Amino acid sequence: MNNVNRAVALRISELLQSQGITQYRLAIKSGITHSTLKNIMHETVKDNLLSTVILIARGFDMTVSKFLDSPLFSEENLDI
């Protein structure tokens, strides 16, 4: 089981790989700082804000619904 922060980091990793972009490029496209994205990826952020997740989804040119449409976020896979 993953916590929400881990699931967000894993989803970002999946999408970075599938779209062939770097964390730095995603940060620029998302309008968040590279250090914020690095903190999310290293799970040093206590709680990811929905507004940040929305910006990241936009950076991937997708809706937040599409970003969250992953087994990583199904209730049986999350430890909440």
C-alpha atoms as a PDB file:
ATOM      1  CA  MET A   1       0.000   0.000   0.000  1.00  0.00           C
ATOM      2  CA  ASN A   2       1.051   3.552  -0.697  1.00  0.00           C
ATOM      3  CA  ASN A   3       0.161   6.774   0.993  1.00  0.00           C
ATOM      4  CA  VAL A   4      -1.176   9.580  -1.180  1.00  0.00           C
ATOM      5  CA  ASN A   5       2.200  11.329  -1.395  1.00  0.00           C
ATOM      6  CA  ARG A   6       3.871   8.141  -2.637  1.00  0.00           C
ATOM      7  CA  ALA A   7       1.084   7.557  -5.165  1.00  0.00           C
ATOM      8  CA  VAL A   8       1.496  11.110  -6.532  1.00  0.00           C
ATOM      9  CA  ALA A   9       5.269  10.645  -6.864  1.00  0.00           C
ATOM     10  CA  LEU A  10       4.840   7.273  -8.593  1.00  0.00           C
ATOM     11  CA  ARG A  11       2.231   8.684 -10.993  1.00  0.00           C
ATOM     12  CA  ILE A  12       4.504  11.581 -11.881  1.00  0.00           C
ATOM     13  CA  SER A  13       7.349   9.130 -12.523  1.00  0.00           C
ATOM     14  CA  GLU A  14       5.134   7.035 -14.803  1.00  0.00           C
ATOM     15  CA  LEU A  15       4.052  10.064 -16.792  1.00  0.00           C
ATOM     16  CA  LEU A  16       7.558  11.529 -17.030  1.00  0.00           C
ATOM     17  CA  GLN A  17       8.763   8.260 -18.487  1.00  0.00           C
ATOM     18  CA  SER A  18       5.839   7.766 -20.858  1.00  0.00           C
ATOM     19  CA  GLN A  19       6.017  11.358 -22.141  1.00  0.00           C
ATOM     20  CA  GLY A  20       9.814  11.451 -22.227  1.00  0.00           C
ATOM     21  CA  ILE A  21      10.183  14.696 -20.298  1.00  0.00           C
ATOM     22  CA  THR A  22      12.381  15.661 -17.373  1.00  0.00           C
ATOM     23  CA  GLN A  23      11.351  16.832 -13.927  1.00  0.00           C
ATOM     24  CA  TYR A  24      12.803  20.237 -14.769  1.00  0.00           C
ATOM     25  CA  ARG A  25      10.702  20.518 -17.947  1.00  0.00           C
ATOM     26  CA  LEU A  26       7.580  19.450 -16.050  1.00  0.00           C
ATOM     27  CA  ALA A  27       8.233  22.070 -13.384  1.00  0.00           C
ATOM     28  CA  ILE A  28       8.478  24.774 -16.046  1.00  0.00           C
ATOM     29  CA  LYS A  29       5.317  23.590 -17.826  1.00  0.00           C
ATOM     30  CA  SER A  30       3.461  23.303 -14.509  1.00  0.00           C
ATOM     31  CA  GLY A  31       4.472  26.694 -13.175  1.00  0.00           C
ATOM     32  CA  ILE A  32       5.896  25.256  -9.966  1.00  0.00           C
ATOM     33  CA  THR A  33       9.478  25.464  -8.801  1.00  0.00           C
ATOM     34  CA  HIS A  34      11.846  22.639  -9.579  1.00  0.00           C
ATOM     35  CA  SER A  35      12.621  22.338  -5.867  1.00  0.00           C
ATOM     36  CA  THR A  36       8.909  21.833  -5.110  1.00  0.00           C
ATOM     37  CA  LEU A  37       8.723  19.065  -7.687  1.00  0.00           C
ATOM     38  CA  LYS A  38      11.907  17.461  -6.330  1.00  0.00           C
ATOM     39  CA  ASN A  39      10.419  17.542  -2.824  1.00  0.00           C
ATOM     40  CA  ILE A  40       7.266  15.836  -4.102  1.00  0.00           C
ATOM     41  CA  MET A  41       9.320  13.182  -5.872  1.00  0.00           C
ATOM     42  CA  HIS A  42      11.454  12.541  -2.774  1.00  0.00           C
ATOM     43  CA  GLU A  43       8.290  12.522  -0.620  1.00  0.00           C
ATOM     44  CA  THR A  44       9.593  15.205   1.714  1.00  0.00           C
ATOM     45  CA  VAL A  45       6.335  17.138   1.340  1.00  0.00           C
ATOM     46  CA  LYS A  46       4.035  16.389   4.268  1.00  0.00           C
ATOM     47  CA  ASP A  47       0.834  16.745   2.236  1.00  0.00           C
ATOM     48  CA  ASN A  48       0.483  17.482  -1.452  1.00  0.00           C
ATOM     49  CA  LEU A  49      -1.983  20.265  -2.086  1.00  0.00           C
ATOM     50  CA  LEU A  50      -4.685  19.628  -4.641  1.00  0.00           C
ATOM     51  CA  SER A  51      -3.793  22.934  -6.291  1.00  0.00           C
ATOM     52  CA  THR A  52      -0.245  21.638  -6.846  1.00  0.00           C
ATOM     53  CA  VAL A  53      -1.551  18.365  -8.280  1.00  0.00           C
ATOM     54  CA  ILE A  54      -3.773  20.361 -10.654  1.00  0.00           C
ATOM     55  CA  LEU A  55      -0.768  22.389 -11.835  1.00  0.00           C
ATOM     56  CA  ILE A  56       1.234  19.199 -12.368  1.00  0.00           C
ATOM     57  CA  ALA A  57      -1.623  17.652 -14.357  1.00  0.00           C
ATOM     58  CA  ARG A  58      -1.705  20.775 -16.524  1.00  0.00           C
ATOM     59  CA  GLY A  59       2.041  20.409 -17.029  1.00  0.00           C
ATOM     60  CA  PHE A  60       1.337  16.978 -18.482  1.00  0.00           C
ATOM     61  CA  ASP A  61      -1.400  18.562 -20.672  1.00  0.00           C
ATOM     62  CA  MET A  62      -4.110  16.541 -18.948  1.00  0.00           C
ATOM     63  CA  THR A  63      -6.988  17.083 -16.578  1.00  0.00           C
ATOM     64  CA  VAL A  64      -6.615  16.298 -12.913  1.00  0.00           C
ATOM     65  CA  SER A  65      -9.199  13.539 -13.457  1.00  0.00           C
ATOM     66  CA  LYS A  66      -6.942  11.913 -16.056  1.00  0.00           C
ATOM     67  CA  PHE A  67      -3.928  12.302 -13.731  1.00  0.00           C
ATOM     68  CA  LEU A  68      -5.809  10.551 -10.923  1.00  0.00           C
ATOM     69  CA  ASP A  69      -7.159   7.860 -13.284  1.00  0.00           C
ATOM     70  CA  SER A  70      -4.614   5.278 -12.174  1.00  0.00           C
ATOM     71  CA  PRO A  71      -4.745   2.168 -10.006  1.00  0.00           C
ATOM     72  CA  LEU A  72      -2.263   3.967  -7.750  1.00  0.00           C
ATOM     73  CA  PHE A  73      -5.155   6.052  -6.445  1.00  0.00           C
ATOM     74  CA  SER A  74      -7.746   3.316  -5.942  1.00  0.00           C
ATOM     75  CA  GLU A  75      -8.856   3.042  -2.323  1.00  0.00           C
ATOM     76  CA  GLU A  76      -7.574  -0.505  -1.945  1.00  0.00           C
ATOM     77  CA  ASN A  77      -4.081   0.646  -2.934  1.00  0.00           C
ATOM     78  CA  LEU A  78      -3.929   3.660  -0.613  1.00  0.00           C
ATOM     79  CA  ASP A  79      -3.181   3.780   3.059  1.00  0.00           C
ATOM     80  CA  ILE A  80      -5.164   6.787   4.236  1.00  0.00           C
END
